[in-house]
Amino acid sequence: MNARTGDIGSFVFGRSGHNSLRRVVFALLIVTGLLLYVGGKVKIVQLGYRIEALEREKHDLEHENRSLQIEASSLSSPARIEEIAIKRLGMVRPANENIVIVKRKRDSDRAKSGAPHDK
């Protein structure tokens, strides 16, 4: 054990320890930069897949919404409601002499008379 204290570094870094340390730090910086670059690219690809999945889901929901709107309009049609009222509830159409037609005032007529607007 005749090694002097100054020689201990030469076992780790060789003869030119300062130059080797620079190489190691430079290599670490390059590896870190590459990892950050690749990590960013991976994240972009993942977000692209997520966007595609959300666009597919949006398309499916829009299609379902259109189908439900068509179904709602068919279920609320006056002819269907009348059929249910007559067949299931036993209602009958009133005679023509029992029908009273009430006409709404137009907005311009209300404005002239000072009546409040229906909302």
Protein backbone atom coordinates (compact mmCIF):
# COMPACT_ATOMS: atom_id res chain seq x y z
CA MET A 1 0.00 0.00 0.00
CA ASN A 2 2.49 2.52 -1.12
CA ALA A 3 -0.10 4.39 -3.17
CA ARG A 4 -0.13 8.09 -2.59
CA THR A 5 -3.38 9.94 -2.17
CA GLY A 6 -3.02 11.68 -5.53
CA ASP A 7 -2.76 8.35 -7.36
CA ILE A 8 -6.18 7.06 -6.26
CA GLY A 9 -7.95 9.00 -9.01
CA SER A 10 -5.82 7.41 -11.68
CA PHE A 11 -7.39 4.02 -10.95
CA VAL A 12 -10.85 5.35 -11.74
CA PHE A 13 -10.18 7.75 -14.61
CA GLY A 14 -6.87 6.57 -15.99
CA ARG A 15 -3.95 8.94 -16.45
CA SER A 16 -5.89 11.87 -17.81
CA GLY A 17 -8.74 11.93 -15.27
CA HIS A 18 -9.99 15.41 -16.13
CA ASN A 19 -10.37 14.58 -19.85
CA SER A 20 -12.19 11.32 -19.07
CA LEU A 21 -14.59 13.09 -16.72
CA ARG A 22 -15.49 15.48 -19.54
CA ARG A 23 -16.20 12.53 -21.83
CA VAL A 24 -18.44 10.87 -19.24
CA VAL A 25 -20.36 14.10 -18.60
CA PHE A 26 -20.68 14.72 -22.35
CA ALA A 27 -21.91 11.15 -22.91
CA LEU A 28 -24.45 11.54 -20.07
CA LEU A 29 -25.70 14.79 -21.58
CA ILE A 30 -26.12 13.15 -24.99
CA VAL A 31 -27.91 10.12 -23.49
CA THR A 32 -30.18 12.41 -21.43
CA GLY A 33 -30.98 14.49 -24.50
CA LEU A 34 -31.78 11.40 -26.54
CA LEU A 35 -34.00 10.02 -23.79
CA LEU A 36 -35.90 13.30 -23.58
CA TYR A 37 -36.27 13.42 -27.37
CA VAL A 38 -37.50 9.82 -27.61
CA GLY A 39 -39.78 10.32 -24.59
CA GLY A 40 -41.35 13.33 -26.29
CA LYS A 41 -41.92 11.39 -29.49
CA VAL A 42 -43.50 8.50 -27.58
CA LYS A 43 -45.83 10.94 -25.81
CA ILE A 44 -46.84 12.47 -29.16
CA VAL A 45 -47.67 9.03 -30.56
CA GLN A 46 -49.70 8.16 -27.44
CA LEU A 47 -51.63 11.43 -27.73
CA GLY A 48 -52.27 10.70 -31.41
CA TYR A 49 -53.80 7.34 -30.53
CA ARG A 50 -55.90 8.99 -27.82
CA ILE A 51 -57.14 11.63 -30.27
CA GLU A 52 -58.13 8.95 -32.78
CA ALA A 53 -60.02 7.01 -30.09
CA LEU A 54 -61.85 10.14 -28.96
CA GLU A 55 -62.76 11.04 -32.55
CA ARG A 56 -64.16 7.53 -33.08
CA GLU A 57 -66.14 7.82 -29.84
CA LYS A 58 -67.44 11.26 -30.90
CA HIS A 59 -68.54 9.87 -34.27
CA ASP A 60 -70.34 6.96 -32.59
CA LEU A 61 -72.07 9.29 -30.12
CA GLU A 62 -73.17 11.63 -32.93
CA HIS A 63 -74.61 8.65 -34.82
CA GLU A 64 -76.43 7.47 -31.69
CA ASN A 65 -77.71 11.01 -31.07
CA ARG A 66 -79.15 11.20 -34.61
CA SER A 67 -80.85 7.83 -34.11
CA LEU A 68 -82.33 8.94 -30.80
CA GLN A 69 -83.60 12.20 -32.31
CA ILE A 70 -85.33 10.26 -35.09
CA GLU A 71 -86.84 7.89 -32.53
CA ALA A 72 -87.99 10.79 -30.34
CA SER A 73 -89.64 12.56 -33.27
CA SER A 74 -91.44 9.37 -34.33
CA LEU A 75 -92.61 8.68 -30.77
CA SER A 76 -93.93 12.21 -30.32
CA SER A 77 -95.73 12.47 -33.66
CA PRO A 78 -99.35 13.64 -33.32
CA ALA A 79 -100.64 10.64 -35.31
CA ARG A 80 -99.00 8.18 -32.90
CA ILE A 81 -100.25 10.06 -29.84
CA GLU A 82 -103.78 10.10 -31.27
CA GLU A 83 -103.60 6.36 -32.00
CA ILE A 84 -102.50 5.60 -28.44
CA ALA A 85 -105.21 7.87 -27.01
CA ILE A 86 -107.90 6.12 -29.02
CA LYS A 87 -106.74 2.49 -28.78
CA ARG A 88 -105.17 2.25 -25.33
CA LEU A 89 -106.95 4.98 -23.38
CA GLY A 90 -110.36 4.65 -25.00
CA MET A 91 -110.61 8.31 -25.91
CA VAL A 92 -112.74 9.48 -28.83
CA ARG A 93 -112.49 12.41 -31.19
CA PRO A 94 -114.98 15.13 -30.31
CA ALA A 95 -117.68 16.04 -32.77
CA ASN A 96 -116.84 18.95 -35.05
CA GLU A 97 -119.42 21.19 -33.35
CA ASN A 98 -117.62 20.68 -30.01
CA ILE A 99 -114.24 21.84 -31.34
CA VAL A 100 -113.27 25.42 -30.52
CA ILE A 101 -110.27 26.92 -32.30
CA VAL A 102 -108.36 29.51 -30.32
CA LYS A 103 -106.15 31.79 -32.36
CA ARG A 104 -103.01 33.29 -30.90
CA LYS A 105 -102.27 36.92 -31.25
CA ARG A 106 -99.21 37.66 -33.31
CA ASP A 107 -96.21 39.33 -31.67
CA SER A 108 -96.91 42.56 -33.55
CA ASP A 109 -100.51 42.61 -32.21
CA ARG A 110 -99.24 42.06 -28.65
CA ALA A 111 -96.73 44.88 -28.98
CA LYS A 112 -99.50 47.25 -30.06
CA SER A 113 -101.82 46.20 -27.22
CA GLY A 114 -99.02 46.30 -24.63
CA ALA A 115 -99.52 42.67 -23.62
CA PRO A 116 -96.45 40.82 -22.28
CA HIS A 117 -94.72 38.28 -24.52
CA ASP A 118 -94.95 34.55 -23.78
CA LYS A 119 -91.61 32.93 -23.20
